[in-house]
Each structure stands twice: as structure tokens, then as C-alpha cells.
C-alpha atoms as a PDB file:
ATOM      1  CA  MET A   1     -14.142 -50.514  -8.611  1.00  0.00           C
ATOM      2  CA  LYS A   2     -14.358 -47.936 -10.856  1.00  0.00           C
ATOM      3  CA  GLU A   3     -16.825 -47.827 -13.982  1.00  0.00           C
ATOM      4  CA  PRO A   4     -15.097 -47.516 -17.386  1.00  0.00           C
ATOM      5  CA  ILE A   5     -14.498 -43.863 -18.806  1.00  0.00           C
ATOM      6  CA  GLY A   6     -17.569 -44.648 -21.335  1.00  0.00           C
ATOM      7  CA  VAL A   7     -20.409 -44.880 -19.183  1.00  0.00           C
ATOM      8  CA  SER A   8     -19.542 -41.956 -16.560  1.00  0.00           C
ATOM      9  CA  ALA A   9     -19.429 -39.988 -19.900  1.00  0.00           C
ATOM     10  CA  VAL A  10     -22.865 -40.812 -21.266  1.00  0.00           C
ATOM     11  CA  ILE A  11     -24.326 -40.444 -17.620  1.00  0.00           C
ATOM     12  CA  LEU A  12     -22.592 -37.099 -17.546  1.00  0.00           C
ATOM     13  CA  LEU A  13     -24.129 -35.987 -21.498  1.00  0.00           C
ATOM     14  CA  LEU A  14     -27.766 -37.478 -19.859  1.00  0.00           C
ATOM     15  CA  SER A  15     -27.664 -35.050 -17.166  1.00  0.00           C
ATOM     16  CA  LEU A  16     -26.592 -32.548 -19.422  1.00  0.00           C
ATOM     17  CA  LEU A  17     -29.595 -33.246 -21.788  1.00  0.00           C
ATOM     18  CA  CYS A  18     -32.162 -33.472 -18.632  1.00  0.00           C
ATOM     19  CA  GLN A  19     -33.714 -30.570 -17.382  1.00  0.00           C
ATOM     20  CA  ALA A  20     -31.340 -28.523 -15.436  1.00  0.00           C
ATOM     21  CA  TRP A  21     -31.063 -25.972 -12.359  1.00  0.00           C
ATOM     22  CA  SER A  22     -28.286 -23.445 -12.499  1.00  0.00           C
ATOM     23  CA  GLN A  23     -27.111 -20.568 -10.846  1.00  0.00           C
ATOM     24  CA  ASP A  24     -24.641 -18.028 -12.117  1.00  0.00           C
ATOM     25  CA  SER A  25     -23.387 -15.448  -9.405  1.00  0.00           C
ATOM     26  CA  VAL A  26     -20.060 -13.395  -8.551  1.00  0.00           C
ATOM     27  CA  THR A  27     -18.980 -13.144  -5.155  1.00  0.00           C
ATOM     28  CA  HIS A  28     -15.901 -10.651  -3.677  1.00  0.00           C
ATOM     29  CA  LEU A  29     -13.984 -12.077  -0.886  1.00  0.00           C
ATOM     30  CA  TYR A  30     -11.090 -10.605   0.577  1.00  0.00           C
ATOM     31  CA  PHE A  31      -9.036 -12.011   3.056  1.00  0.00           C
ATOM     32  CA  ASN A  32      -6.090 -10.989   5.528  1.00  0.00           C
ATOM     33  CA  VAL A  33      -2.761 -12.157   4.051  1.00  0.00           C
ATOM     34  CA  GLY A  34      -1.313 -15.710   6.154  1.00  0.00           C
ATOM     35  CA  SER A  35      -5.162 -16.514   6.796  1.00  0.00           C
ATOM     36  CA  ASP A  36      -6.206 -19.991   6.220  1.00  0.00           C
ATOM     37  CA  VAL A  37      -9.223 -19.412   3.772  1.00  0.00           C
ATOM     38  CA  MET A  38     -12.271 -22.047   2.992  1.00  0.00           C
ATOM     39  CA  LEU A  39     -14.285 -21.163  -0.131  1.00  0.00           C
ATOM     40  CA  ASN A  40     -17.859 -22.194   0.127  1.00  0.00           C
ATOM     41  CA  CYS A  41     -20.836 -21.972  -2.230  1.00  0.00           C
ATOM     42  CA  SER A  42     -23.434 -22.632  -0.223  1.00  0.00           C
ATOM     43  CA  ASN A  43     -26.184 -20.845  -1.870  1.00  0.00           C
ATOM     44  CA  ILE A  44     -28.118 -23.531  -3.277  1.00  0.00           C
ATOM     45  CA  LEU A  45     -31.766 -25.376  -2.786  1.00  0.00           C
ATOM     46  CA  LYS A  46     -32.895 -27.515  -0.144  1.00  0.00           C
ATOM     47  CA  ASP A  47     -33.932 -30.230  -2.703  1.00  0.00           C
ATOM     48  CA  LEU A  48     -30.362 -30.591  -4.149  1.00  0.00           C
ATOM     49  CA  MET A  49     -29.217 -32.154  -1.479  1.00  0.00           C
ATOM     50  CA  SER A  50     -30.851 -35.480  -2.231  1.00  0.00           C
ATOM     51  CA  LYS A  51     -29.448 -35.527  -5.201  1.00  0.00           C
ATOM     52  CA  GLU A  52     -26.505 -37.482  -7.046  1.00  0.00           C
ATOM     53  CA  ILE A  53     -23.493 -35.658  -7.505  1.00  0.00           C
ATOM     54  CA  LEU A  54     -21.500 -36.410 -10.773  1.00  0.00           C
ATOM     55  CA  TYR A  55     -18.640 -33.921  -9.642  1.00  0.00           C
ATOM     56  CA  VAL A  56     -17.393 -31.190  -7.972  1.00  0.00           C
ATOM     57  CA  ILE A  57     -14.639 -28.966  -9.652  1.00  0.00           C
ATOM     58  CA  TRP A  58     -13.292 -25.656  -8.598  1.00  0.00           C
ATOM     59  CA  ARG A  59     -11.578 -24.061 -11.742  1.00  0.00           C
ATOM     60  CA  VAL A  60      -8.556 -21.572 -10.330  1.00  0.00           C
ATOM     61  CA  ASP A  61      -7.501 -18.794 -12.603  1.00  0.00           C
ATOM     62  CA  LEU A  62      -4.935 -17.126 -10.782  1.00  0.00           C
ATOM     63  CA  VAL A  63      -3.540 -13.533 -11.970  1.00  0.00           C
ATOM     64  CA  GLY A  64       0.133 -14.370 -13.905  1.00  0.00           C
ATOM     65  CA  ASN A  65      -1.061 -18.333 -13.861  1.00  0.00           C
ATOM     66  CA  LYS A  66      -2.116 -21.038 -16.200  1.00  0.00           C
ATOM     67  CA  GLU A  67      -5.937 -22.541 -15.221  1.00  0.00           C
ATOM     68  CA  CYS A  68      -5.836 -25.414 -12.577  1.00  0.00           C
ATOM     69  CA  ARG A  69      -8.143 -27.719 -11.148  1.00  0.00           C
ATOM     70  CA  VAL A  70      -8.889 -28.639  -7.780  1.00  0.00           C
ATOM     71  CA  GLY A  71     -12.123 -30.883  -7.170  1.00  0.00           C
ATOM     72  CA  TRP A  72     -13.746 -34.546  -6.882  1.00  0.00           C
ATOM     73  CA  GLN A  73     -15.282 -36.627  -9.577  1.00  0.00           C
ATOM     74  CA  LYS A  74     -17.253 -39.893  -9.068  1.00  0.00           C
ATOM     75  CA  PHE A  75     -15.938 -42.072 -11.106  1.00  0.00           C
ATOM     76  CA  THR A  76     -12.014 -41.054 -10.840  1.00  0.00           C
ATOM     77  CA  GLY A  77     -11.578 -39.408  -7.487  1.00  0.00           C
ATOM     78  CA  LEU A  78      -9.747 -36.780  -6.173  1.00  0.00           C
ATOM     79  CA  LEU A  79      -8.538 -34.136  -8.678  1.00  0.00           C
ATOM     80  CA  ASP A  80      -5.670 -31.711  -8.296  1.00  0.00           C
ATOM     81  CA  THR A  81      -3.819 -30.039 -11.274  1.00  0.00           C
ATOM     82  CA  CYS A  82      -2.651 -26.957  -9.287  1.00  0.00           C
ATOM     83  CA  THR A  83      -0.097 -28.835  -6.885  1.00  0.00           C
ATOM     84  CA  ASP A  84       0.013 -25.337  -4.886  1.00  0.00           C
ATOM     85  CA  GLY A  85      -1.214 -26.701  -1.693  1.00  0.00           C
ATOM     86  CA  LYS A  86      -5.088 -26.138  -2.021  1.00  0.00           C
ATOM     87  CA  SER A  87      -7.520 -29.093  -1.800  1.00  0.00           C
ATOM     88  CA  LEU A  88     -10.663 -30.002  -1.370  1.00  0.00           C
ATOM     89  CA  HIS A  89     -12.247 -30.896   2.023  1.00  0.00           C
ATOM     90  CA  SER A  90     -15.230 -32.070   3.990  1.00  0.00           C
ATOM     91  CA  ILE A  91     -16.427 -29.422   6.463  1.00  0.00           C
ATOM     92  CA  SER A  92     -18.072 -32.817   8.995  1.00  0.00           C
ATOM     93  CA  GLU A  93     -17.437 -36.000   9.650  1.00  0.00           C
ATOM     94  CA  SER A  94     -20.828 -36.711   7.806  1.00  0.00           C
ATOM     95  CA  CYS A  95     -19.209 -35.412   4.582  1.00  0.00           C
ATOM     96  CA  SER A  96     -16.334 -37.311   5.027  1.00  0.00           C
ATOM     97  CA  ASP A  97     -17.187 -40.010   2.220  1.00  0.00           C
ATOM     98  CA  LEU A  98     -16.598 -38.670  -1.062  1.00  0.00           C
ATOM     99  CA  HIS A  99     -19.022 -40.680  -2.674  1.00  0.00           C
ATOM    100  CA  SER A 100     -21.756 -38.441  -0.728  1.00  0.00           C
ATOM    101  CA  ILE A 101     -20.092 -35.580  -1.404  1.00  0.00           C
ATOM    102  CA  SER A 102     -21.931 -32.470  -1.487  1.00  0.00           C
ATOM    103  CA  GLU A 103     -22.184 -28.715  -1.989  1.00  0.00           C
ATOM    104  CA  SER A 104     -23.158 -27.889   1.279  1.00  0.00           C
ATOM    105  CA  CYS A 105     -20.319 -29.890   2.843  1.00  0.00           C
ATOM    106  CA  SER A 106     -17.588 -29.353   0.590  1.00  0.00           C
ATOM    107  CA  TYR A 107     -14.809 -27.116   0.617  1.00  0.00           C
ATOM    108  CA  LEU A 108     -11.474 -25.282  -1.248  1.00  0.00           C
ATOM    109  CA  HIS A 109      -9.119 -24.948   1.449  1.00  0.00           C
ATOM    110  CA  ILE A 110      -6.465 -22.583   0.483  1.00  0.00           C
ATOM    111  CA  PRO A 111      -3.371 -22.313   3.574  1.00  0.00           C
ATOM    112  CA  ASN A 112      -1.825 -18.853   4.141  1.00  0.00           C
ATOM    113  CA  PHE A 113      -3.728 -17.154   1.613  1.00  0.00           C
ATOM    114  CA  SER A 114      -0.917 -14.725   0.038  1.00  0.00           C
ATOM    115  CA  GLU A 115      -0.369 -12.678  -3.394  1.00  0.00           C
ATOM    116  CA  ARG A 116      -0.029 -15.812  -5.776  1.00  0.00           C
ATOM    117  CA  ASP A 117      -3.182 -16.510  -4.570  1.00  0.00           C
ATOM    118  CA  VAL A 118      -5.360 -13.750  -5.787  1.00  0.00           C
ATOM    119  CA  GLY A 119      -7.168 -14.649  -8.560  1.00  0.00           C
ATOM    120  CA  ILE A 120     -11.188 -15.926  -9.727  1.00  0.00           C
ATOM    121  CA  TYR A 121     -12.156 -19.430  -8.713  1.00  0.00           C
ATOM    122  CA  MET A 122     -14.716 -21.163 -10.558  1.00  0.00           C
ATOM    123  CA  TYR A 123     -16.887 -23.592  -8.874  1.00  0.00           C
ATOM    124  CA  GLU A 124     -19.340 -26.658 -10.589  1.00  0.00           C
ATOM    125  CA  MET A 125     -20.793 -29.189  -9.013  1.00  0.00           C
ATOM    126  CA  ALA A 126     -22.999 -31.304 -11.728  1.00  0.00           C
ATOM    127  CA  PHE A 127     -25.506 -33.527 -10.296  1.00  0.00           C
ATOM    128  CA  ILE A 128     -28.254 -35.995 -11.980  1.00  0.00           C
ATOM    129  CA  GLY A 129     -30.611 -33.304 -13.685  1.00  0.00           C
ATOM    130  CA  GLY A 130     -28.701 -30.232 -14.073  1.00  0.00           C
ATOM    131  CA  THR A 131     -25.484 -27.906 -12.777  1.00  0.00           C
ATOM    132  CA  HIS A 132     -24.800 -25.325 -10.377  1.00  0.00           C
ATOM    133  CA  THR A 133     -21.976 -22.785 -10.826  1.00  0.00           C
ATOM    134  CA  CYS A 134     -20.802 -20.137  -9.017  1.00  0.00           C
ATOM    135  CA  LYS A 135     -17.816 -17.671  -8.941  1.00  0.00           C
ATOM    136  CA  VAL A 136     -15.462 -16.177  -7.086  1.00  0.00           C
ATOM    137  CA  SER A 137     -13.101 -13.436  -6.591  1.00  0.00           C
ATOM    138  CA  ALA A 138     -10.515 -13.562  -4.122  1.00  0.00           C
ATOM    139  CA  SER A 139      -7.902 -10.853  -3.087  1.00  0.00           C
ATOM    140  CA  ILE A 140      -5.982  -9.471  -0.451  1.00  0.00           C
ATOM    141  CA  THR A 141      -7.527  -6.908   2.481  1.00  0.00           C
ATOM    142  CA  VAL A 142      -5.798  -3.825   2.468  1.00  0.00           C
ATOM    143  CA  PRO A 143      -6.684  -1.367   5.810  1.00  0.00           C
ATOM    144  CA  PRO A 144      -8.044   2.082   5.017  1.00  0.00           C
ATOM    145  CA  SER A 145      -6.798   5.486   6.660  1.00  0.00           C
ATOM    146  CA  ILE A 146      -9.168   6.696   8.929  1.00  0.00           C
ATOM    147  CA  SER A 147      -9.743  10.517  10.143  1.00  0.00           C
ATOM    148  CA  SER A 148     -12.672  12.297  11.816  1.00  0.00           C
ATOM    149  CA  TRP A 149     -13.512  15.979  12.032  1.00  0.00           C
ATOM    150  CA  LEU A 150     -15.614  19.064  12.738  1.00  0.00           C
ATOM    151  CA  GLU A 151     -16.854  21.352   9.660  1.00  0.00           C
ATOM    152  CA  LEU A 152     -18.724  25.085  10.730  1.00  0.00           C
ATOM    153  CA  ARG A 153     -21.451  25.385   7.667  1.00  0.00           C
ATOM    154  CA  ASP A 154     -22.361  29.260   6.930  1.00  0.00           C
ATOM    155  CA  ASN A 155     -25.375  28.836   8.789  1.00  0.00           C
ATOM    156  CA  ASN A 156     -23.201  28.308  11.819  1.00  0.00           C
ATOM    157  CA  SER A 157     -24.708  24.775  11.784  1.00  0.00           C
ATOM    158  CA  MET A 158     -22.064  21.979  12.264  1.00  0.00           C
ATOM    159  CA  VAL A 159     -21.089  18.436  10.951  1.00  0.00           C
ATOM    160  CA  ALA A 160     -19.252  15.636  11.942  1.00  0.00           C
ATOM    161  CA  VAL A 161     -17.323  14.041   9.036  1.00  0.00           C
ATOM    162  CA  CYS A 162     -15.899  10.397   9.275  1.00  0.00           C
ATOM    163  CA  ALA A 163     -13.858   9.096   6.511  1.00  0.00           C
ATOM    164  CA  ALA A 164     -12.171   5.774   5.694  1.00  0.00           C
ATOM    165  CA  GLU A 165      -9.959   5.961   2.288  1.00  0.00           C
ATOM    166  CA  GLY A 166      -7.930   3.912   0.321  1.00  0.00           C
ATOM    167  CA  GLY A 167      -9.524   0.338   1.831  1.00  0.00           C
ATOM    168  CA  LYS A 168     -10.144  -2.462   0.312  1.00  0.00           C
ATOM    169  CA  PRO A 169     -12.767  -3.580   0.978  1.00  0.00           C
ATOM    170  CA  ALA A 170     -14.921  -0.335   1.680  1.00  0.00           C
ATOM    171  CA  ALA A 171     -14.881   0.041   5.396  1.00  0.00           C
ATOM    172  CA  ASN A 172     -18.481  -0.054   7.578  1.00  0.00           C
ATOM    173  CA  VAL A 173     -18.677   3.622   9.143  1.00  0.00           C
ATOM    174  CA  THR A 174     -21.054   4.338  11.438  1.00  0.00           C
ATOM    175  CA  TRP A 175     -21.897   6.606  14.402  1.00  0.00           C
ATOM    176  CA  ARG A 176     -22.543   6.470  18.415  1.00  0.00           C
ATOM    177  CA  HIS A 177     -25.314   9.118  18.476  1.00  0.00           C
ATOM    178  CA  ALA A 178     -29.065   9.649  18.305  1.00  0.00           C
ATOM    179  CA  GLU A 179     -28.837  10.990  14.821  1.00  0.00           C
ATOM    180  CA  ASN A 180     -27.102   8.153  13.338  1.00  0.00           C
ATOM    181  CA  GLU A 181     -30.084   7.550  10.838  1.00  0.00           C
ATOM    182  CA  SER A 182     -29.488  10.900   9.196  1.00  0.00           C
ATOM    183  CA  ALA A 183     -26.252  10.495   8.212  1.00  0.00           C
ATOM    184  CA  VAL A 184     -25.536  11.012   4.749  1.00  0.00           C
ATOM    185  CA  VAL A 185     -22.900   8.206   3.253  1.00  0.00           C
ATOM    186  CA  THR A 186     -20.527   8.344   0.126  1.00  0.00           C
ATOM    187  CA  GLN A 187     -18.793   5.921  -1.662  1.00  0.00           C
ATOM    188  CA  TRP A 188     -16.411   5.753  -4.194  1.00  0.00           C
ATOM    189  CA  HIS A 189     -13.545   3.828  -5.741  1.00  0.00           C
ATOM    190  CA  SER A 190      -9.646   4.352  -7.262  1.00  0.00           C
ATOM    191  CA  GLY A 191      -7.564   2.090  -8.325  1.00  0.00           C
ATOM    192  CA  GLY A 192      -9.374  -0.763  -6.662  1.00  0.00           C
ATOM    193  CA  LEU A 193      -9.551   0.706  -3.510  1.00  0.00           C
ATOM    194  CA  PHE A 194     -12.555   1.994  -1.915  1.00  0.00           C
ATOM    195  CA  SER A 195     -13.366   5.326   0.258  1.00  0.00           C
ATOM    196  CA  VAL A 196     -16.036   5.786   2.683  1.00  0.00           C
ATOM    197  CA  GLU A 197     -17.622   9.216   3.856  1.00  0.00           C
ATOM    198  CA  SER A 198     -20.081  10.102   6.751  1.00  0.00           C
ATOM    199  CA  ARG A 199     -21.164  13.124   7.370  1.00  0.00           C
ATOM    200  CA  LEU A 200     -23.634  13.721  10.083  1.00  0.00           C
ATOM    201  CA  LYS A 201     -25.426  16.631  11.289  1.00  0.00           C
ATOM    202  CA  LEU A 202     -25.325  17.970  14.975  1.00  0.00           C
ATOM    203  CA  PRO A 203     -27.585  20.808  15.365  1.00  0.00           C
ATOM    204  CA  GLU A 204     -27.012  20.580  19.203  1.00  0.00           C
ATOM    205  CA  GLY A 205     -22.894  20.944  18.723  1.00  0.00           C
ATOM    206  CA  PRO A 206     -20.022  17.974  18.947  1.00  0.00           C
ATOM    207  CA  LYS A 207     -21.623  16.010  22.017  1.00  0.00           C
ATOM    208  CA  ASN A 208     -21.030  12.378  22.402  1.00  0.00           C
ATOM    209  CA  ALA A 209     -20.533  12.241  18.726  1.00  0.00           C
ATOM    210  CA  THR A 210     -18.345   9.101  18.364  1.00  0.00           C
ATOM    211  CA  CYS A 211     -17.290   7.398  14.612  1.00  0.00           C
ATOM    212  CA  ILE A 212     -17.139   3.800  14.504  1.00  0.00           C
ATOM    213  CA  ILE A 213     -15.535   2.418  11.658  1.00  0.00           C
ATOM    214  CA  ARG A 214     -15.160  -1.605  11.149  1.00  0.00           C
ATOM    215  CA  HIS A 215     -13.061  -3.739   8.408  1.00  0.00           C
ATOM    216  CA  PRO A 216     -11.973  -7.001   7.858  1.00  0.00           C
ATOM    217  CA  TYR A 217      -8.367  -6.464   8.327  1.00  0.00           C
ATOM    218  CA  TRP A 218      -8.722  -5.277  11.841  1.00  0.00           C
ATOM    219  CA  GLU A 219     -10.333  -8.085  14.135  1.00  0.00           C
ATOM    220  CA  ALA A 220     -11.837  -5.141  16.641  1.00  0.00           C
ATOM    221  CA  GLU A 221     -13.725  -1.871  15.533  1.00  0.00           C
ATOM    222  CA  LYS A 222     -11.781   1.538  15.375  1.00  0.00           C
ATOM    223  CA  THR A 223     -13.680   4.658  17.481  1.00  0.00           C
ATOM    224  CA  LEU A 224     -12.623   8.261  16.382  1.00  0.00           C
ATOM    225  CA  VAL A 225     -13.918  11.622  18.083  1.00  0.00           C
ATOM    226  CA  PRO A 226     -14.280  14.413  15.931  1.00  0.00           C
ATOM    227  CA  SER A 227     -12.343  17.190  16.190  1.00  0.00           C
ATOM    228  CA  HIS A 228     -12.298  20.929  14.417  1.00  0.00           C
ATOM    229  CA  ARG A 229      -9.530  21.473  11.698  1.00  0.00           C
ATOM    230  CA  LYS A 230      -7.328  23.941  11.914  1.00  0.00           C
ATOM    231  CA  ARG A 231      -8.058  26.893   8.835  1.00  0.00           C
ATOM    232  CA  LEU A 232      -5.389  26.775   5.987  1.00  0.00           C
ATOM    233  CA  LEU A 233      -5.165  30.767   7.203  1.00  0.00           C
ATOM    234  CA  GLU A 234      -4.214  29.239  10.760  1.00  0.00           C
ATOM    235  CA  ILE A 235      -1.301  26.832   9.240  1.00  0.00           C
ATOM    236  CA  VAL A 236       0.189  30.044   6.988  1.00  0.00           C
ATOM    237  CA  VAL A 237       0.776  31.692  10.222  1.00  0.00           C
ATOM    238  CA  CYS A 238       2.223  29.071  11.943  1.00  0.00           C
ATOM    239  CA  LEU A 239       4.250  27.833   9.203  1.00  0.00           C
ATOM    240  CA  LEU A 240       5.718  31.768   8.642  1.00  0.00           C
ATOM    241  CA  ILE A 241       6.448  32.168  12.271  1.00  0.00           C
ATOM    242  CA  VAL A 242       8.211  28.956  12.057  1.00  0.00           C
ATOM    243  CA  VAL A 243      10.452  29.724   9.171  1.00  0.00           C
ATOM    244  CA  SER A 244      11.241  33.359  10.639  1.00  0.00           C
ATOM    245  CA  ILE A 245      12.418  31.731  14.131  1.00  0.00           C
ATOM    246  CA  LEU A 246      14.753  29.464  12.067  1.00  0.00           C
ATOM    247  CA  MET A 247      15.902  32.489   9.666  1.00  0.00           C
ATOM    248  CA  VAL A 248      17.377  34.308  12.667  1.00  0.00           C
ATOM    249  CA  PRO A 249      19.953  31.742  13.170  1.00  0.00           C
ATOM    250  CA  ALA A 250      20.479  30.594   9.817  1.00  0.00           C
ATOM    251  CA  ALA A 251      21.558  34.417   8.980  1.00  0.00           C
ATOM    252  CA  LEU A 252      23.705  35.141  12.088  1.00  0.00           C
ATOM    253  CA  LEU A 253      25.803  31.315  11.136  1.00  0.00           C
ATOM    254  CA  PHE A 254      25.906  32.872   7.644  1.00  0.00           C
ATOM    255  CA  PHE A 255      27.126  36.180   9.063  1.00  0.00           C
ATOM    256  CA  MET A 256      29.560  34.396  11.305  1.00  0.00           C
ATOM    257  CA  TYR A 257      30.865  32.694   8.406  1.00  0.00           C
ATOM    258  CA  LYS A 258      31.758  35.313   5.801  1.00  0.00           C
ATOM    259  CA  LYS A 259      33.527  36.976   8.874  1.00  0.00           C
ATOM    260  CA  GLN A 260      35.684  34.376   9.103  1.00  0.00           C
ATOM    261  CA  ILE A 261      36.780  33.983   5.546  1.00  0.00           C
ATOM    262  CA  MET A 262      37.315  38.134   5.919  1.00  0.00           C
ATOM    263  CA  LEU A 263      39.475  37.619   8.617  1.00  0.00           C
ATOM    264  CA  ARG A 264      41.647  34.767   7.402  1.00  0.00           C
ATOM    265  CA  ASN A 265      42.068  37.127   3.730  1.00  0.00           C
ATOM    266  CA  CYS A 266      43.159  39.920   5.880  1.00  0.00           C
ATOM    267  CA  LEU A 267      45.777  37.620   7.636  1.00  0.00           C
ATOM    268  CA  ILE A 268      47.197  36.321   4.265  1.00  0.00           C
ATOM    269  CA  THR A 269      47.927  39.706   3.121  1.00  0.00           C
ATOM    270  CA  ASP A 270      49.443  41.082   5.892  1.00  0.00           C
ATOM    271  CA  ARG A 271      52.280  38.159   5.772  1.00  0.00           C
ATOM    272  CA  SER A 272      52.761  38.402   1.892  1.00  0.00           C
ATOM    273  CA  ALA A 273      53.555  42.365   2.804  1.00  0.00           C
ATOM    274  CA  THR A 274      56.177  41.688   5.461  1.00  0.00           C
ATOM    275  CA  LYS A 275      58.017  38.765   3.378  1.00  0.00           C
ATOM    276  CA  PRO A 276      61.418  39.868   1.557  1.00  0.00           C
ATOM    277  CA  GLU A 277      61.498  39.304  -1.470  1.00  0.00           C
ATOM    278  CA  PRO A 278      64.799  37.172  -2.198  1.00  0.00           C
ATOM    279  CA  ILE A 279      65.245  37.518  -5.991  1.00  0.00           C
ATOM    280  CA  THR A 280      65.362  41.473  -6.214  1.00  0.00           C
ATOM    281  CA  HIS A 281      68.177  41.252  -3.228  1.00  0.00           C
ATOM    282  CA  LYS A 282      70.144  38.611  -5.573  1.00  0.00           C
ATOM    283  CA  ALA A 283      69.657  40.672  -8.156  1.00  0.00           C
ATOM    284  CA  GLU A 284      71.450  43.885  -6.192  1.00  0.00           C
ATOM    285  CA  ILE A 285      74.340  41.895  -5.288  1.00  0.00           C
ATOM    286  CA  GLU A 286      75.076  40.322  -8.831  1.00  0.00           C
ATOM    287  CA  GLU A 287      74.913  43.751  -9.816  1.00  0.00           C
ATOM    288  CA  THR A 288      77.459  45.253  -7.052  1.00  0.00           C
ATOM    289  CA  GLU A 289      79.879  42.231  -8.151  1.00  0.00           C
ATOM    290  CA  GLU A 290      80.072  43.500 -12.129  1.00  0.00           C
ATOM    291  CA  VAL A 291      80.165  46.797 -11.207  1.00  0.00           C
ATOM    292  CA  GLU A 292      83.294  46.616  -8.772  1.00  0.00           C
ATOM    293  CA  PRO A 293      86.110  45.663 -11.058  1.00  0.00           C
ATOM    294  CA  TYR A 294      85.632  48.121 -13.094  1.00  0.00           C
ATOM    295  CA  ALA A 295      85.200  51.025 -10.512  1.00  0.00           C
ATOM    296  CA  SER A 296      88.762  49.457  -9.148  1.00  0.00           C
ATOM    297  CA  TYR A 297      90.299  49.770 -12.811  1.00  0.00           C
ATOM    298  CA  PHE A 298      89.316  52.900 -13.326  1.00  0.00           C
ATOM    299  CA  GLN A 299      90.865  54.040 -10.111  1.00  0.00           C
ATOM    300  CA  ARG A 300      94.613  52.315 -11.166  1.00  0.00           C
ATOM    301  CA  VAL A 301      94.537  54.094 -14.310  1.00  0.00           C
ATOM    302  CA  ASN A 302      93.771  57.307 -12.922  1.00  0.00           C
ATOM    303  CA  SER A 303      96.853  57.104 -10.223  1.00  0.00           C
ATOM    304  CA  ILE A 304      99.364  55.914 -13.304  1.00  0.00           C
ATOM    305  CA  TYR A 305      98.234  58.918 -15.223  1.00  0.00           C
ATOM    306  CA  ASN A 306      98.859  61.072 -12.410  1.00  0.00           C
ATOM    307  CA  LEU A 307     102.285  60.209 -11.700  1.00  0.00           C
END
């Protein structure tokens, strides 16, 4: 039987007026796309297990969406204003009774985690005597770009470098070497992505130096063996050689193309020179036709005159 809303409001008011124990925390968590997520705030004191729980609520503030709530209230039961698959669950059968639900045996289930689930999850639990809250930032994991190489210092000492760049969260970089404890690790972040670089001095040379990189995106660790990087001068020389090799056939093809065009122009010129000019020939014919009658008339006149 449900109690009146006014009774629950009075109980909540009395609990807030009592001497309260509370703890605020911010936790950054990262999950792979498609994974099933179980959010739980379990960092509470043991004596809270005996407290009477009034409500357990997750306030979900997703990127680009309005805040919604998923949880349980003592006098109204389950609450869900998100309606996107998120739900409050019990960890074990002993916690199946929602009237005896506690923080240590409840969790927020997020199925098939994706970009639409990225955001801030604010947990709040109220009990007789106080409240407990925590805040979780949930994001998608991004695998880092990894590399490892050897550097030679001015004093001829060898340094092994291992880097994991552009990941989320930051990767864990260690060395499988006797001098692992002396490694210098540097971290930085840019645009929400994290990079890690570890440098290990190798006084005895690069023997048995193996870099080990761990990241939540991978199921297994990655191992790299550092090798010598090619110097800038060597890279430039290689590029010049490649360019020179490519220029020889390119120049040959260009020469053959130009020669073919010149031969084609010469053939066209020769054909134009040997072709008769029909317009000039026609003019000569017309001129002959105009002159012949006059010549004949002149001859006739002369013959009569001679007689």
C-alpha cells in the first residue's frame, strides 16, 4: 500500500534536517562502442548498509539533450523519464527487493553504449540521516597511435622512447627491462585526447628493451621493440634518388611526345605544298575564254582589209 505523498515529503524533509553524511566525487570513465555499461557508485562507508534508503536516482545529462532521470523511490517505485533503454538493476538476487535496495547492490545499466550516451551521470541516494552523491563523466574510448624508437645522445648514450599519442583515456606505458623504474614518463592532452611518452636510458645498449602499452580499447597489451630512426639527411637523400629515377623516364616520354608533334606538323606542311590550287586554274580558264573571241575578230578584220 502506497503512503500519501505528504508523508513521504515530511520524511524527506526530516532526513535533510538531520545530521547528514555526504560525499561528492567526479569520476571519468571510458567505454568501447557497443559495450554494455554498468554504472555504480560503491565508495561508501559500511555503516550506510544499515541505513533505510529513501530513493536512488541517476540524473542523466547527455550532450545535446535535456536532463532525464532513472531510479527508484521508496513510495512511488521505479522512475524512468529517459525512455531510451537505460534502467536501474540489482547486482545480486539478495538485492532483488527494491524496498531494501542499497547503493552497493544497484547499478545503472546502459545497453549498447554509443555516442548518444556520452554525458554526465549524477548519482544521488537519500537515506535516513543524510545523502550520498557522485558524478560520473562517461565517454567513448579512443585507441592511441603507438610508436617506439631509439635516440643517440651527444655523449653516445642510448635512449629508448615509447609513445602512445591521441588516445582516450591516457595509455599505460611501461618497459620490460631491468631499468624500468628509471624511465621518465611525460603526459599531455590536446582536444580531449591524451598522449604519453616514456624515455628509458640504456647504458648497456638496446638489449632486451621492450615497450608494453595497455589501453582499455584493446583486449590485450601491445608490445613494441624500439629501433633506430632514419636521420633527416638519409631521408632527403633517398627522396632525391627516387625523384631522379622518376625524372629520367618522364623526360624521355616528353621528348618522344614533342618529336611526334613535330613530325605530324611536317607531314601536314608537305601535303599542303603538293596540293593544286583550283581557284588559280579556274581564273586562267576564264581569262582565256575572254581573250579568244577578241583575237578571232581581230584576225577576220585583218583578212578583209588585206583583200
